[in-house]
Amino acid sequence: MWGHGIDAGSSLMGGRVARWAVIAGGALLAGAGLGFLARDLLGLGQPAVALAWLAGVTVALGAELGRGRARE
């Protein structure tokens, strides 16, 4: 339907875009997860929720970037 015979992993640029999309998605999911825990399960206020989001994003990005360095 959307494809024009181009595989995202077939070119260097497509591979990089796909990798960064996975990293960004993982960071958002980690931030949202910790934010949910802080707000809904622990009942913390807005500053704590914002810090939880930042912590989740930082952990996810650090893990992914560390994994990328280990491959090199």
PDB file of N, CA and C in Angstrom:
ATOM      1  N   MET A   1       0.822  -1.180   0.000  1.00  0.00           N
ATOM      2  CA  MET A   1       0.000   0.000   0.000  1.00  0.00           C
ATOM      3  C   MET A   1       0.870   1.248   0.000  1.00  0.00           C
ATOM      4  N   TRP A   2       1.734   1.399   1.024  1.00  0.00           N
ATOM      5  CA  TRP A   2       2.562   2.590   1.111  1.00  0.00           C
ATOM      6  C   TRP A   2       3.906   2.402   0.425  1.00  0.00           C
ATOM      7  N   GLY A   3       4.360   1.174   0.344  1.00  0.00           N
ATOM      8  CA  GLY A   3       5.705   0.913  -0.152  1.00  0.00           C
ATOM      9  C   GLY A   3       5.831   1.101  -1.646  1.00  0.00           C
ATOM     10  N   HIS A   4       7.008   1.491  -2.016  1.00  0.00           N
ATOM     11  CA  HIS A   4       7.330   1.637  -3.428  1.00  0.00           C
ATOM     12  C   HIS A   4       8.513   0.756  -3.767  1.00  0.00           C
ATOM     13  N   GLY A   5       8.587  -0.399  -3.122  1.00  0.00           N
ATOM     14  CA  GLY A   5       9.684  -1.321  -3.374  1.00  0.00           C
ATOM     15  C   GLY A   5      10.961  -0.939  -2.646  1.00  0.00           C
ATOM     16  N   ILE A   6      10.875  -0.034  -1.674  1.00  0.00           N
ATOM     17  CA  ILE A   6      12.055   0.389  -0.933  1.00  0.00           C
ATOM     18  C   ILE A   6      11.954  -0.172   0.473  1.00  0.00           C
ATOM     19  N   ASP A   7      12.954  -0.951   0.843  1.00  0.00           N
ATOM     20  CA  ASP A   7      13.010  -1.504   2.193  1.00  0.00           C
ATOM     21  C   ASP A   7      13.785  -0.538   3.077  1.00  0.00           C
ATOM     22  N   ALA A   8      13.263  -0.237   4.269  1.00  0.00           N
ATOM     23  CA  ALA A   8      13.915   0.732   5.157  1.00  0.00           C
ATOM     24  C   ALA A   8      15.323   0.303   5.526  1.00  0.00           C
ATOM     25  N   GLY A   9      15.585  -0.981   5.583  1.00  0.00           N
ATOM     26  CA  GLY A   9      16.911  -1.454   5.953  1.00  0.00           C
ATOM     27  C   GLY A   9      17.837  -1.639   4.769  1.00  0.00           C
ATOM     28  N   SER A  10      17.361  -1.334   3.561  1.00  0.00           N
ATOM     29  CA  SER A  10      18.170  -1.618   2.383  1.00  0.00           C
ATOM     30  C   SER A  10      19.224  -0.564   2.114  1.00  0.00           C
ATOM     31  N   SER A  11      19.051   0.625   2.602  1.00  0.00           N
ATOM     32  CA  SER A  11      20.042   1.666   2.368  1.00  0.00           C
ATOM     33  C   SER A  11      20.630   2.108   3.692  1.00  0.00           C
ATOM     34  N   LEU A  12      21.773   2.729   3.621  1.00  0.00           N
ATOM     35  CA  LEU A  12      22.425   3.219   4.824  1.00  0.00           C
ATOM     36  C   LEU A  12      21.560   4.253   5.518  1.00  0.00           C
ATOM     37  N   MET A  13      20.985   5.167   4.754  1.00  0.00           N
ATOM     38  CA  MET A  13      20.149   6.205   5.338  1.00  0.00           C
ATOM     39  C   MET A  13      18.890   5.601   5.945  1.00  0.00           C
ATOM     40  N   GLY A  14      18.270   4.664   5.270  1.00  0.00           N
ATOM     41  CA  GLY A  14      17.076   4.014   5.791  1.00  0.00           C
ATOM     42  C   GLY A  14      17.365   3.256   7.074  1.00  0.00           C
ATOM     43  N   GLY A  15      18.518   2.610   7.150  1.00  0.00           N
ATOM     44  CA  GLY A  15      18.907   1.895   8.352  1.00  0.00           C
ATOM     45  C   GLY A  15      19.118   2.831   9.526  1.00  0.00           C
ATOM     46  N   ARG A  16      19.724   3.971   9.254  1.00  0.00           N
ATOM     47  CA  ARG A  16      19.945   4.953  10.320  1.00  0.00           C
ATOM     48  C   ARG A  16      18.627   5.533  10.810  1.00  0.00           C
ATOM     49  N   VAL A  17      17.746   5.844   9.886  1.00  0.00           N
ATOM     50  CA  VAL A  17      16.439   6.398  10.261  1.00  0.00           C
ATOM     51  C   VAL A  17      15.677   5.377  11.097  1.00  0.00           C
ATOM     52  N   ALA A  18      15.694   4.122  10.684  1.00  0.00           N
ATOM     53  CA  ALA A  18      14.994   3.078  11.426  1.00  0.00           C
ATOM     54  C   ALA A  18      15.591   2.909  12.818  1.00  0.00           C
ATOM     55  N   ARG A  19      16.910   2.957  12.921  1.00  0.00           N
ATOM     56  CA  ARG A  19      17.569   2.800  14.226  1.00  0.00           C
ATOM     57  C   ARG A  19      17.199   3.947  15.157  1.00  0.00           C
ATOM     58  N   TRP A  20      17.231   5.178  14.638  1.00  0.00           N
ATOM     59  CA  TRP A  20      16.885   6.324  15.478  1.00  0.00           C
ATOM     60  C   TRP A  20      15.408   6.323  15.851  1.00  0.00           C
ATOM     61  N   ALA A  21      14.558   5.808  14.984  1.00  0.00           N
ATOM     62  CA  ALA A  21      13.137   5.698  15.312  1.00  0.00           C
ATOM     63  C   ALA A  21      12.928   4.711  16.460  1.00  0.00           C
ATOM     64  N   VAL A  22      13.677   3.614  16.444  1.00  0.00           N
ATOM     65  CA  VAL A  22      13.587   2.631  17.525  1.00  0.00           C
ATOM     66  C   VAL A  22      14.104   3.237  18.829  1.00  0.00           C
ATOM     67  N   ILE A  23      15.205   3.978  18.763  1.00  0.00           N
ATOM     68  CA  ILE A  23      15.761   4.615  19.957  1.00  0.00           C
ATOM     69  C   ILE A  23      14.771   5.625  20.526  1.00  0.00           C
ATOM     70  N   ALA A  24      14.207   6.466  19.668  1.00  0.00           N
ATOM     71  CA  ALA A  24      13.253   7.479  20.131  1.00  0.00           C
ATOM     72  C   ALA A  24      12.007   6.825  20.718  1.00  0.00           C
ATOM     73  N   GLY A  25      11.514   5.794  20.072  1.00  0.00           N
ATOM     74  CA  GLY A  25      10.341   5.088  20.591  1.00  0.00           C
ATOM     75  C   GLY A  25      10.607   4.448  21.945  1.00  0.00           C
ATOM     76  N   GLY A  26      11.774   3.832  22.086  1.00  0.00           N
ATOM     77  CA  GLY A  26      12.135   3.226  23.367  1.00  0.00           C
ATOM     78  C   GLY A  26      12.264   4.260  24.468  1.00  0.00           C
ATOM     79  N   ALA A  27      12.851   5.404  24.135  1.00  0.00           N
ATOM     80  CA  ALA A  27      13.010   6.471  25.125  1.00  0.00           C
ATOM     81  C   ALA A  27      11.648   7.004  25.564  1.00  0.00           C
ATOM     82  N   LEU A  28      10.739   7.192  24.611  1.00  0.00           N
ATOM     83  CA  LEU A  28       9.399   7.672  24.959  1.00  0.00           C
ATOM     84  C   LEU A  28       8.639   6.658  25.811  1.00  0.00           C
ATOM     85  N   LEU A  29       8.769   5.383  25.472  1.00  0.00           N
ATOM     86  CA  LEU A  29       8.087   4.355  26.262  1.00  0.00           C
ATOM     87  C   LEU A  29       8.649   4.278  27.681  1.00  0.00           C
ATOM     88  N   ALA A  30       9.955   4.378  27.822  1.00  0.00           N
ATOM     89  CA  ALA A  30      10.564   4.332  29.155  1.00  0.00           C
ATOM     90  C   ALA A  30      10.135   5.547  29.978  1.00  0.00           C
ATOM     91  N   GLY A  31      10.149   6.716  29.355  1.00  0.00           N
ATOM     92  CA  GLY A  31       9.716   7.922  30.065  1.00  0.00           C
ATOM     93  C   GLY A  31       8.260   7.851  30.469  1.00  0.00           C
ATOM     94  N   ALA A  32       7.417   7.386  29.556  1.00  0.00           N
ATOM     95  CA  ALA A  32       5.989   7.268  29.861  1.00  0.00           C
ATOM     96  C   ALA A  32       5.746   6.248  30.964  1.00  0.00           C
ATOM     97  N   GLY A  33       6.500   5.163  30.931  1.00  0.00           N
ATOM     98  CA  GLY A  33       6.342   4.135  31.955  1.00  0.00           C
ATOM     99  C   GLY A  33       6.691   4.648  33.343  1.00  0.00           C
ATOM    100  N   LEU A  34       7.826   5.313  33.466  1.00  0.00           N
ATOM    101  CA  LEU A  34       8.204   5.854  34.770  1.00  0.00           C
ATOM    102  C   LEU A  34       7.287   6.999  35.188  1.00  0.00           C
ATOM    103  N   GLY A  35       6.843   7.789  34.226  1.00  0.00           N
ATOM    104  CA  GLY A  35       5.883   8.849  34.538  1.00  0.00           C
ATOM    105  C   GLY A  35       4.566   8.284  35.057  1.00  0.00           C
ATOM    106  N   PHE A  36       4.106   7.203  34.449  1.00  0.00           N
ATOM    107  CA  PHE A  36       2.890   6.535  34.912  1.00  0.00           C
ATOM    108  C   PHE A  36       3.056   6.033  36.341  1.00  0.00           C
ATOM    109  N   LEU A  37       4.199   5.382  36.603  1.00  0.00           N
ATOM    110  CA  LEU A  37       4.449   4.889  37.962  1.00  0.00           C
ATOM    111  C   LEU A  37       4.425   6.022  38.974  1.00  0.00           C
ATOM    112  N   ALA A  38       5.084   7.121  38.630  1.00  0.00           N
ATOM    113  CA  ALA A  38       5.168   8.246  39.566  1.00  0.00           C
ATOM    114  C   ALA A  38       3.798   8.878  39.812  1.00  0.00           C
ATOM    115  N   ARG A  39       3.030   9.099  38.751  1.00  0.00           N
ATOM    116  CA  ARG A  39       1.757   9.812  38.892  1.00  0.00           C
ATOM    117  C   ARG A  39       0.631   8.915  39.396  1.00  0.00           C
ATOM    118  N   ASP A  40       0.416   7.800  38.720  1.00  0.00           N
ATOM    119  CA  ASP A  40      -0.776   6.997  39.003  1.00  0.00           C
ATOM    120  C   ASP A  40      -0.586   6.002  40.141  1.00  0.00           C
ATOM    121  N   LEU A  41       0.555   5.369  40.211  1.00  0.00           N
ATOM    122  CA  LEU A  41       0.737   4.361  41.242  1.00  0.00           C
ATOM    123  C   LEU A  41       1.271   4.940  42.551  1.00  0.00           C
ATOM    124  N   LEU A  42       2.158   5.923  42.459  1.00  0.00           N
ATOM    125  CA  LEU A  42       2.727   6.507  43.675  1.00  0.00           C
ATOM    126  C   LEU A  42       2.031   7.795  44.098  1.00  0.00           C
ATOM    127  N   GLY A  43       1.235   8.394  43.202  1.00  0.00           N
ATOM    128  CA  GLY A  43       0.489   9.601  43.521  1.00  0.00           C
ATOM    129  C   GLY A  43       1.356  10.836  43.715  1.00  0.00           C
ATOM    130  N   LEU A  44       2.490  10.890  43.047  1.00  0.00           N
ATOM    131  CA  LEU A  44       3.400  12.022  43.192  1.00  0.00           C
ATOM    132  C   LEU A  44       2.924  13.206  42.350  1.00  0.00           C
ATOM    133  N   GLY A  45       3.417  14.383  42.670  1.00  0.00           N
ATOM    134  CA  GLY A  45       3.026  15.600  41.967  1.00  0.00           C
ATOM    135  C   GLY A  45       3.778  15.804  40.661  1.00  0.00           C
ATOM    136  N   GLN A  46       3.460  16.907  40.004  1.00  0.00           N
ATOM    137  CA  GLN A  46       3.994  17.214  38.684  1.00  0.00           C
ATOM    138  C   GLN A  46       5.529  17.259  38.615  1.00  0.00           C
ATOM    139  N   PRO A  47       6.235  17.895  39.554  1.00  0.00           N
ATOM    140  CA  PRO A  47       7.704  17.905  39.446  1.00  0.00           C
ATOM    141  C   PRO A  47       8.308  16.504  39.486  1.00  0.00           C
ATOM    142  N   ALA A  48       7.760  15.644  40.324  1.00  0.00           N
ATOM    143  CA  ALA A  48       8.274  14.276  40.408  1.00  0.00           C
ATOM    144  C   ALA A  48       7.972  13.499  39.130  1.00  0.00           C
ATOM    145  N   VAL A  49       6.814  13.745  38.542  1.00  0.00           N
ATOM    146  CA  VAL A  49       6.456  13.067  37.290  1.00  0.00           C
ATOM    147  C   VAL A  49       7.390  13.509  36.168  1.00  0.00           C
ATOM    148  N   ALA A  50       7.687  14.807  36.112  1.00  0.00           N
ATOM    149  CA  ALA A  50       8.616  15.302  35.091  1.00  0.00           C
ATOM    150  C   ALA A  50      10.002  14.694  35.274  1.00  0.00           C
ATOM    151  N   LEU A  51      10.461  14.584  36.513  1.00  0.00           N
ATOM    152  CA  LEU A  51      11.757  13.953  36.772  1.00  0.00           C
ATOM    153  C   LEU A  51      11.741  12.472  36.403  1.00  0.00           C
ATOM    154  N   ALA A  52      10.610  11.816  36.627  1.00  0.00           N
ATOM    155  CA  ALA A  52      10.492  10.405  36.249  1.00  0.00           C
ATOM    156  C   ALA A  52      10.572  10.243  34.738  1.00  0.00           C
ATOM    157  N   TRP A  53       9.913  11.141  33.996  1.00  0.00           N
ATOM    158  CA  TRP A  53      10.006  11.115  32.535  1.00  0.00           C
ATOM    159  C   TRP A  53      11.463  11.292  32.097  1.00  0.00           C
ATOM    160  N   LEU A  54      12.131  12.273  32.660  1.00  0.00           N
ATOM    161  CA  LEU A  54      13.533  12.514  32.298  1.00  0.00           C
ATOM    162  C   LEU A  54      14.410  11.323  32.646  1.00  0.00           C
ATOM    163  N   ALA A  55      14.174  10.721  33.791  1.00  0.00           N
ATOM    164  CA  ALA A  55      14.959   9.551  34.183  1.00  0.00           C
ATOM    165  C   ALA A  55      14.740   8.398  33.214  1.00  0.00           C
ATOM    166  N   GLY A  56      13.498   8.167  32.823  1.00  0.00           N
ATOM    167  CA  GLY A  56      13.209   7.087  31.877  1.00  0.00           C
ATOM    168  C   GLY A  56      13.862   7.305  30.533  1.00  0.00           C
ATOM    169  N   VAL A  57      13.778   8.517  30.040  1.00  0.00           N
ATOM    170  CA  VAL A  57      14.400   8.843  28.744  1.00  0.00           C
ATOM    171  C   VAL A  57      15.911   8.703  28.839  1.00  0.00           C
ATOM    172  N   THR A  58      16.495   9.190  29.928  1.00  0.00           N
ATOM    173  CA  THR A  58      17.942   9.119  30.100  1.00  0.00           C
ATOM    174  C   THR A  58      18.423   7.676  30.173  1.00  0.00           C
ATOM    175  N   VAL A  59      17.726   6.854  30.919  1.00  0.00           N
ATOM    176  CA  VAL A  59      18.120   5.443  31.044  1.00  0.00           C
ATOM    177  C   VAL A  59      18.016   4.740  29.693  1.00  0.00           C
ATOM    178  N   ALA A  60      16.919   4.972  28.981  1.00  0.00           N
ATOM    179  CA  ALA A  60      16.736   4.314  27.687  1.00  0.00           C
ATOM    180  C   ALA A  60      17.792   4.761  26.682  1.00  0.00           C
ATOM    181  N   LEU A  61      18.047   6.057  26.619  1.00  0.00           N
ATOM    182  CA  LEU A  61      19.057   6.550  25.678  1.00  0.00           C
ATOM    183  C   LEU A  61      20.447   6.069  26.064  1.00  0.00           C
ATOM    184  N   GLY A  62      20.752   6.080  27.348  1.00  0.00           N
ATOM    185  CA  GLY A  62      22.061   5.607  27.800  1.00  0.00           C
ATOM    186  C   GLY A  62      22.272   4.142  27.483  1.00  0.00           C
ATOM    187  N   ALA A  63      21.251   3.341  27.691  1.00  0.00           N
ATOM    188  CA  ALA A  63      21.358   1.912  27.395  1.00  0.00           C
ATOM    189  C   ALA A  63      21.544   1.674  25.905  1.00  0.00           C
ATOM    190  N   GLU A  64      20.776   2.368  25.087  1.00  0.00           N
ATOM    191  CA  GLU A  64      20.864   2.160  23.637  1.00  0.00           C
ATOM    192  C   GLU A  64      22.191   2.663  23.080  1.00  0.00           C
ATOM    193  N   LEU A  65      22.618   3.837  23.524  1.00  0.00           N
ATOM    194  CA  LEU A  65      23.882   4.371  23.024  1.00  0.00           C
ATOM    195  C   LEU A  65      25.056   3.545  23.526  1.00  0.00           C
ATOM    196  N   GLY A  66      24.972   3.022  24.741  1.00  0.00           N
ATOM    197  CA  GLY A  66      26.011   2.132  25.254  1.00  0.00           C
ATOM    198  C   GLY A  66      26.066   0.836  24.463  1.00  0.00           C
ATOM    199  N   ARG A  67      24.913   0.334  24.062  1.00  0.00           N
ATOM    200  CA  ARG A  67      24.862  -0.878  23.245  1.00  0.00           C
ATOM    201  C   ARG A  67      25.472  -0.626  21.878  1.00  0.00           C
ATOM    202  N   GLY A  68      25.249   0.562  21.347  1.00  0.00           N
ATOM    203  CA  GLY A  68      25.822   0.909  20.037  1.00  0.00           C
ATOM    204  C   GLY A  68      27.335   0.985  20.092  1.00  0.00           C
ATOM    205  N   ARG A  69      27.880   1.497  21.185  1.00  0.00           N
ATOM    206  CA  ARG A  69      29.336   1.554  21.328  1.00  0.00           C
ATOM    207  C   ARG A  69      29.934   0.168  21.491  1.00  0.00           C
ATOM    208  N   ALA A  70      29.195  -0.727  22.136  1.00  0.00           N
ATOM    209  CA  ALA A  70      29.692  -2.096  22.323  1.00  0.00           C
ATOM    210  C   ALA A  70      29.788  -2.834  20.994  1.00  0.00           C
ATOM    211  N   ARG A  71      28.940  -2.461  20.021  1.00  0.00           N
ATOM    212  CA  ARG A  71      28.983  -3.100  18.692  1.00  0.00           C
ATOM    213  C   ARG A  71      30.206  -2.670  17.898  1.00  0.00           C
ATOM    214  N   GLU A  72      30.687  -1.470  18.162  1.00  0.00           N
ATOM    215  CA  GLU A  72      31.787  -0.933  17.350  1.00  0.00           C
ATOM    216  C   GLU A  72      33.113  -1.490  17.717  1.00  0.00           C
TER     217      GLU A  72
END
